[in-house]
Amino acid sequence: MPLSRAVLERQLKQAELSLADRVKALKGAGKAEETYSLDPVWRSASAACASIRRRLVAVAAVEANDAEVARRKLEPKPEPAKEEAKPAKSEKAKAEKSKAAAKPEEQKSKKEKAKPAKAE
């Protein structure tokens, strides 16, 4: 549930106000600060504050990433290294390649001839 920084900061202020109101009520009731965590309303308000703070940290990370992307888009792109044109293969090289491809077939047929047939 991504929200803008302004919205999250407003929500954080509201959550902190509700937490402060609960602390004020607990102090009025004579509770010690160590026992605040036993109050379910205080725990809920405290958890809401913590959750919003975590979301603000995530928003900061996204903003930093967006700034980096914008910076990289403005940078000039490096020129790719140009490769020299390769000379066309000669007819001789093509003929040698076709001969090399035919050799494994010839070797296979020689091996089959060399094996004696099994006698049953």
N, C-alpha and C. Protein backbone atom coordinates (compact mmCIF):
# COMPACT_ATOMS: atom_id res chain seq x y z
N MET A 1 0.84 -1.16 0.00
CA MET A 1 0.00 0.00 0.00
C MET A 1 0.90 1.23 0.00
N PRO A 2 1.55 1.50 -1.14
CA PRO A 2 2.46 2.64 -1.20
C PRO A 2 1.72 3.98 -1.15
N LEU A 3 2.21 4.86 -0.33
CA LEU A 3 1.64 6.20 -0.21
C LEU A 3 2.77 7.21 -0.33
N SER A 4 2.39 8.44 -0.55
CA SER A 4 3.40 9.48 -0.68
C SER A 4 3.96 9.83 0.70
N ARG A 5 5.11 10.48 0.66
CA ARG A 5 5.76 10.88 1.90
C ARG A 5 4.87 11.81 2.71
N ALA A 6 4.19 12.75 2.06
CA ALA A 6 3.34 13.71 2.77
C ALA A 6 2.20 13.01 3.50
N VAL A 7 1.59 12.04 2.86
CA VAL A 7 0.48 11.31 3.48
C VAL A 7 0.98 10.52 4.69
N LEU A 8 2.12 9.85 4.52
CA LEU A 8 2.65 9.06 5.63
C LEU A 8 3.07 9.94 6.80
N GLU A 9 3.65 11.10 6.51
CA GLU A 9 4.03 12.00 7.60
C GLU A 9 2.80 12.52 8.35
N ARG A 10 1.72 12.78 7.61
CA ARG A 10 0.48 13.22 8.26
C ARG A 10 -0.08 12.09 9.13
N GLN A 11 -0.07 10.87 8.61
CA GLN A 11 -0.56 9.73 9.39
C GLN A 11 0.30 9.52 10.64
N LEU A 12 1.61 9.71 10.50
CA LEU A 12 2.50 9.54 11.65
C LEU A 12 2.19 10.58 12.73
N LYS A 13 1.93 11.81 12.33
CA LYS A 13 1.57 12.84 13.31
C LYS A 13 0.30 12.45 14.06
N GLN A 14 -0.70 11.97 13.33
CA GLN A 14 -1.96 11.57 13.96
C GLN A 14 -1.75 10.39 14.92
N ALA A 15 -0.94 9.42 14.49
CA ALA A 15 -0.67 8.26 15.34
C ALA A 15 0.08 8.67 16.59
N GLU A 16 1.04 9.59 16.45
CA GLU A 16 1.79 10.05 17.62
C GLU A 16 0.89 10.84 18.57
N LEU A 17 -0.06 11.60 18.00
CA LEU A 17 -1.01 12.32 18.86
C LEU A 17 -1.89 11.36 19.65
N SER A 18 -2.36 10.30 18.99
CA SER A 18 -3.19 9.33 19.71
C SER A 18 -2.37 8.60 20.77
N LEU A 19 -1.11 8.33 20.49
CA LEU A 19 -0.24 7.70 21.48
C LEU A 19 -0.02 8.64 22.67
N ALA A 20 0.20 9.91 22.37
CA ALA A 20 0.41 10.90 23.44
C ALA A 20 -0.86 11.04 24.30
N ASP A 21 -2.03 11.00 23.66
CA ASP A 21 -3.28 11.06 24.42
C ASP A 21 -3.42 9.87 25.35
N ARG A 22 -3.04 8.69 24.85
CA ARG A 22 -3.15 7.48 25.69
C ARG A 22 -2.15 7.55 26.85
N VAL A 23 -0.96 8.05 26.58
CA VAL A 23 0.05 8.19 27.66
C VAL A 23 -0.48 9.16 28.71
N LYS A 24 -1.10 10.24 28.27
CA LYS A 24 -1.66 11.22 29.19
C LYS A 24 -2.74 10.59 30.05
N ALA A 25 -3.60 9.76 29.44
CA ALA A 25 -4.66 9.07 30.18
C ALA A 25 -4.06 8.09 31.18
N LEU A 26 -3.03 7.38 30.78
CA LEU A 26 -2.40 6.41 31.68
C LEU A 26 -1.71 7.12 32.84
N LYS A 27 -1.06 8.25 32.56
CA LYS A 27 -0.43 9.01 33.64
C LYS A 27 -1.50 9.53 34.60
N GLY A 28 -2.63 9.96 34.05
CA GLY A 28 -3.74 10.45 34.88
C GLY A 28 -4.29 9.35 35.77
N ALA A 29 -4.20 8.11 35.31
CA ALA A 29 -4.69 6.98 36.09
C ALA A 29 -3.63 6.51 37.09
N GLY A 30 -2.46 7.12 37.07
CA GLY A 30 -1.42 6.78 38.04
C GLY A 30 -0.59 5.57 37.64
N LYS A 31 -0.53 5.25 36.37
CA LYS A 31 0.26 4.09 35.92
C LYS A 31 1.72 4.51 35.72
N ALA A 32 2.62 3.58 35.97
CA ALA A 32 4.05 3.83 35.76
C ALA A 32 4.38 3.60 34.28
N GLU A 33 5.46 4.24 33.82
CA GLU A 33 5.85 4.10 32.40
C GLU A 33 6.16 2.66 32.02
N GLU A 34 6.65 1.88 32.96
CA GLU A 34 7.00 0.48 32.67
C GLU A 34 5.75 -0.36 32.40
N THR A 35 4.60 0.07 32.87
CA THR A 35 3.37 -0.71 32.70
C THR A 35 2.58 -0.28 31.47
N TYR A 36 3.07 0.71 30.72
CA TYR A 36 2.35 1.14 29.52
C TYR A 36 2.20 -0.01 28.53
N SER A 37 3.22 -0.82 28.43
CA SER A 37 3.19 -1.92 27.46
C SER A 37 2.13 -2.97 27.81
N LEU A 38 1.59 -2.93 29.00
CA LEU A 38 0.53 -3.87 29.37
C LEU A 38 -0.84 -3.38 28.90
N ASP A 39 -0.94 -2.12 28.51
CA ASP A 39 -2.20 -1.55 28.06
C ASP A 39 -2.39 -1.84 26.56
N PRO A 40 -3.48 -2.51 26.18
CA PRO A 40 -3.66 -2.87 24.77
C PRO A 40 -3.84 -1.67 23.85
N VAL A 41 -4.47 -0.60 24.31
CA VAL A 41 -4.66 0.58 23.46
C VAL A 41 -3.30 1.26 23.21
N TRP A 42 -2.46 1.34 24.24
CA TRP A 42 -1.13 1.93 24.08
C TRP A 42 -0.29 1.09 23.11
N ARG A 43 -0.37 -0.24 23.26
CA ARG A 43 0.39 -1.13 22.36
C ARG A 43 -0.04 -0.94 20.91
N SER A 44 -1.35 -0.82 20.70
CA SER A 44 -1.86 -0.64 19.35
C SER A 44 -1.38 0.69 18.75
N ALA A 45 -1.45 1.76 19.53
CA ALA A 45 -1.00 3.08 19.05
C ALA A 45 0.50 3.08 18.79
N SER A 46 1.26 2.41 19.65
CA SER A 46 2.70 2.34 19.48
C SER A 46 3.06 1.53 18.23
N ALA A 47 2.33 0.45 18.00
CA ALA A 47 2.58 -0.37 16.81
C ALA A 47 2.24 0.40 15.54
N ALA A 48 1.19 1.20 15.56
CA ALA A 48 0.83 2.00 14.40
C ALA A 48 1.94 3.00 14.08
N CYS A 49 2.50 3.63 15.09
CA CYS A 49 3.61 4.57 14.89
C CYS A 49 4.82 3.86 14.28
N ALA A 50 5.14 2.71 14.82
CA ALA A 50 6.30 1.96 14.32
C ALA A 50 6.09 1.53 12.87
N SER A 51 4.88 1.10 12.55
CA SER A 51 4.56 0.66 11.20
C SER A 51 4.71 1.81 10.20
N ILE A 52 4.20 2.96 10.55
CA ILE A 52 4.28 4.12 9.66
C ILE A 52 5.75 4.55 9.50
N ARG A 53 6.53 4.48 10.55
CA ARG A 53 7.95 4.84 10.45
C ARG A 53 8.69 3.91 9.49
N ARG A 54 8.37 2.61 9.57
CA ARG A 54 8.99 1.65 8.65
C ARG A 54 8.62 1.97 7.21
N ARG A 55 7.37 2.33 6.97
CA ARG A 55 6.93 2.68 5.63
C ARG A 55 7.63 3.95 5.13
N LEU A 56 7.87 4.88 6.03
CA LEU A 56 8.60 6.10 5.64
C LEU A 56 10.03 5.77 5.22
N VAL A 57 10.65 4.82 5.91
CA VAL A 57 12.00 4.39 5.54
C VAL A 57 11.99 3.76 4.14
N ALA A 58 10.95 2.97 3.86
CA ALA A 58 10.83 2.35 2.54
C ALA A 58 10.62 3.41 1.46
N VAL A 59 9.83 4.43 1.76
CA VAL A 59 9.61 5.51 0.81
C VAL A 59 10.93 6.24 0.53
N ALA A 60 11.73 6.44 1.55
CA ALA A 60 13.03 7.10 1.37
C ALA A 60 13.92 6.27 0.44
N ALA A 61 13.88 4.95 0.59
CA ALA A 61 14.69 4.09 -0.27
C ALA A 61 14.22 4.17 -1.72
N VAL A 62 12.91 4.20 -1.93
CA VAL A 62 12.36 4.31 -3.29
C VAL A 62 12.73 5.66 -3.90
N GLU A 63 12.65 6.72 -3.10
CA GLU A 63 13.01 8.05 -3.60
C GLU A 63 14.48 8.10 -3.99
N ALA A 64 15.34 7.46 -3.20
CA ALA A 64 16.77 7.43 -3.52
C ALA A 64 17.00 6.67 -4.82
N ASN A 65 16.29 5.57 -5.01
CA ASN A 65 16.41 4.78 -6.23
C ASN A 65 15.93 5.58 -7.43
N ASP A 66 14.81 6.27 -7.30
CA ASP A 66 14.29 7.09 -8.39
C ASP A 66 15.27 8.20 -8.76
N ALA A 67 15.90 8.80 -7.77
CA ALA A 67 16.88 9.85 -8.03
C ALA A 67 18.08 9.29 -8.79
N GLU A 68 18.52 8.10 -8.42
CA GLU A 68 19.65 7.45 -9.10
C GLU A 68 19.29 7.13 -10.55
N VAL A 69 18.07 6.66 -10.77
CA VAL A 69 17.62 6.35 -12.13
C VAL A 69 17.59 7.62 -12.98
N ALA A 70 17.06 8.70 -12.42
CA ALA A 70 16.99 9.96 -13.14
C ALA A 70 18.39 10.48 -13.46
N ARG A 71 19.32 10.32 -12.52
CA ARG A 71 20.70 10.77 -12.75
C ARG A 71 21.34 9.98 -13.89
N ARG A 72 21.11 8.66 -13.90
CA ARG A 72 21.71 7.82 -14.94
C ARG A 72 21.11 8.10 -16.30
N LYS A 73 19.83 8.46 -16.34
CA LYS A 73 19.21 8.77 -17.63
C LYS A 73 19.80 10.04 -18.24
N LEU A 74 20.23 10.96 -17.39
CA LEU A 74 20.79 12.21 -17.88
C LEU A 74 22.24 12.07 -18.35
N GLU A 75 22.93 11.06 -17.87
CA GLU A 75 24.32 10.84 -18.26
C GLU A 75 24.39 10.39 -19.72
N PRO A 76 25.42 10.82 -20.44
CA PRO A 76 25.56 10.34 -21.82
C PRO A 76 25.95 8.86 -21.81
N LYS A 77 25.41 8.14 -22.76
CA LYS A 77 25.71 6.71 -22.83
C LYS A 77 27.09 6.50 -23.44
N PRO A 78 27.85 5.55 -22.92
CA PRO A 78 29.18 5.28 -23.50
C PRO A 78 29.02 4.63 -24.87
N GLU A 79 29.92 4.98 -25.77
CA GLU A 79 29.89 4.42 -27.12
C GLU A 79 30.31 2.95 -27.07
N PRO A 80 29.56 2.07 -27.72
CA PRO A 80 29.98 0.67 -27.74
C PRO A 80 31.23 0.52 -28.60
N ALA A 81 32.06 -0.42 -28.24
CA ALA A 81 33.29 -0.66 -28.98
C ALA A 81 32.94 -1.18 -30.37
N LYS A 82 33.53 -0.55 -31.39
CA LYS A 82 33.23 -0.96 -32.76
C LYS A 82 34.14 -2.13 -33.12
N GLU A 83 33.53 -3.14 -33.69
CA GLU A 83 34.31 -4.30 -34.12
C GLU A 83 34.69 -4.10 -35.59
N GLU A 84 35.87 -4.55 -35.92
CA GLU A 84 36.30 -4.44 -37.31
C GLU A 84 35.55 -5.47 -38.13
N ALA A 85 35.29 -5.12 -39.37
CA ALA A 85 34.57 -6.03 -40.26
C ALA A 85 35.42 -7.27 -40.50
N LYS A 86 34.81 -8.42 -40.35
CA LYS A 86 35.53 -9.67 -40.56
C LYS A 86 35.54 -9.98 -42.06
N PRO A 87 36.66 -10.45 -42.57
CA PRO A 87 36.69 -10.80 -44.00
C PRO A 87 35.82 -12.03 -44.25
N ALA A 88 35.24 -12.09 -45.42
CA ALA A 88 34.37 -13.22 -45.77
C ALA A 88 35.22 -14.48 -45.86
N LYS A 89 34.61 -15.59 -45.52
CA LYS A 89 35.33 -16.86 -45.58
C LYS A 89 35.56 -17.24 -47.04
N SER A 90 36.72 -17.76 -47.26
CA SER A 90 37.04 -18.17 -48.63
C SER A 90 36.39 -19.52 -48.93
N GLU A 91 36.34 -19.83 -50.18
CA GLU A 91 35.76 -21.10 -50.60
C GLU A 91 36.55 -22.28 -50.03
N LYS A 92 37.84 -22.10 -49.88
CA LYS A 92 38.69 -23.17 -49.36
C LYS A 92 38.32 -23.49 -47.92
N ALA A 93 38.08 -22.46 -47.12
CA ALA A 93 37.73 -22.67 -45.72
C ALA A 93 36.37 -23.35 -45.60
N LYS A 94 35.45 -22.98 -46.46
CA LYS A 94 34.12 -23.61 -46.45
C LYS A 94 34.22 -25.08 -46.81
N ALA A 95 35.06 -25.42 -47.77
CA ALA A 95 35.23 -26.81 -48.20
C ALA A 95 35.84 -27.63 -47.08
N GLU A 96 36.84 -27.06 -46.37
CA GLU A 96 37.46 -27.77 -45.26
C GLU A 96 36.46 -28.03 -44.14
N LYS A 97 35.59 -27.07 -43.91
CA LYS A 97 34.60 -27.24 -42.85
C LYS A 97 33.63 -28.36 -43.20
N SER A 98 33.22 -28.45 -44.44
CA SER A 98 32.29 -29.50 -44.83
C SER A 98 32.96 -30.87 -44.76
N LYS A 99 34.26 -30.92 -45.08
CA LYS A 99 35.00 -32.19 -44.97
C LYS A 99 35.10 -32.62 -43.52
N ALA A 100 35.32 -31.67 -42.62
CA ALA A 100 35.45 -31.98 -41.20
C ALA A 100 34.13 -32.51 -40.67
N ALA A 101 33.03 -32.03 -41.18
CA ALA A 101 31.72 -32.50 -40.73
C ALA A 101 31.47 -33.91 -41.25
N ALA A 102 32.00 -34.25 -42.41
CA ALA A 102 31.78 -35.57 -42.99
C ALA A 102 32.66 -36.63 -42.33
N LYS A 103 33.80 -36.28 -41.78
CA LYS A 103 34.73 -37.23 -41.18
C LYS A 103 34.11 -38.05 -40.05
N PRO A 104 33.35 -37.49 -39.12
CA PRO A 104 32.79 -38.34 -38.06
C PRO A 104 31.90 -39.45 -38.59
N GLU A 105 31.20 -39.19 -39.67
CA GLU A 105 30.35 -40.23 -40.24
C GLU A 105 31.20 -41.36 -40.81
N GLU A 106 32.31 -40.99 -41.46
CA GLU A 106 33.21 -41.99 -42.02
C GLU A 106 33.84 -42.82 -40.90
N GLN A 107 34.23 -42.17 -39.82
CA GLN A 107 34.85 -42.88 -38.71
C GLN A 107 33.84 -43.84 -38.08
N LYS A 108 32.60 -43.44 -38.00
CA LYS A 108 31.57 -44.28 -37.41
C LYS A 108 31.39 -45.55 -38.26
N SER A 109 31.35 -45.39 -39.54
CA SER A 109 31.15 -46.56 -40.41
C SER A 109 32.36 -47.49 -40.32
N LYS A 110 33.58 -46.96 -40.18
CA LYS A 110 34.76 -47.80 -40.05
C LYS A 110 34.70 -48.60 -38.76
N LYS A 111 34.22 -47.99 -37.67
CA LYS A 111 34.13 -48.69 -36.39
C LYS A 111 33.12 -49.82 -36.47
N GLU A 112 32.03 -49.57 -37.14
CA GLU A 112 31.01 -50.62 -37.26
C GLU A 112 31.54 -51.80 -38.07
N LYS A 113 32.35 -51.53 -39.08
CA LYS A 113 32.91 -52.60 -39.89
C LYS A 113 33.93 -53.40 -39.09
N ALA A 114 34.64 -52.74 -38.19
CA ALA A 114 35.69 -53.39 -37.43
C ALA A 114 35.11 -54.33 -36.37
N LYS A 115 33.91 -54.06 -35.89
CA LYS A 115 33.33 -54.93 -34.87
C LYS A 115 32.83 -56.23 -35.51
N PRO A 116 33.24 -57.34 -34.92
CA PRO A 116 32.73 -58.61 -35.47
C PRO A 116 31.29 -58.82 -34.99
N ALA A 117 30.51 -59.43 -35.79
CA ALA A 117 29.11 -59.70 -35.46
C ALA A 117 29.07 -60.80 -34.42
N LYS A 118 28.15 -60.69 -33.50
CA LYS A 118 28.03 -61.70 -32.43
C LYS A 118 27.44 -62.98 -33.00
N ALA A 119 28.01 -64.05 -32.62
CA ALA A 119 27.49 -65.35 -33.07
C ALA A 119 26.55 -65.88 -32.01
N GLU A 120 25.41 -66.29 -32.48
CA GLU A 120 24.43 -66.80 -31.49
C GLU A 120 24.36 -68.29 -31.52
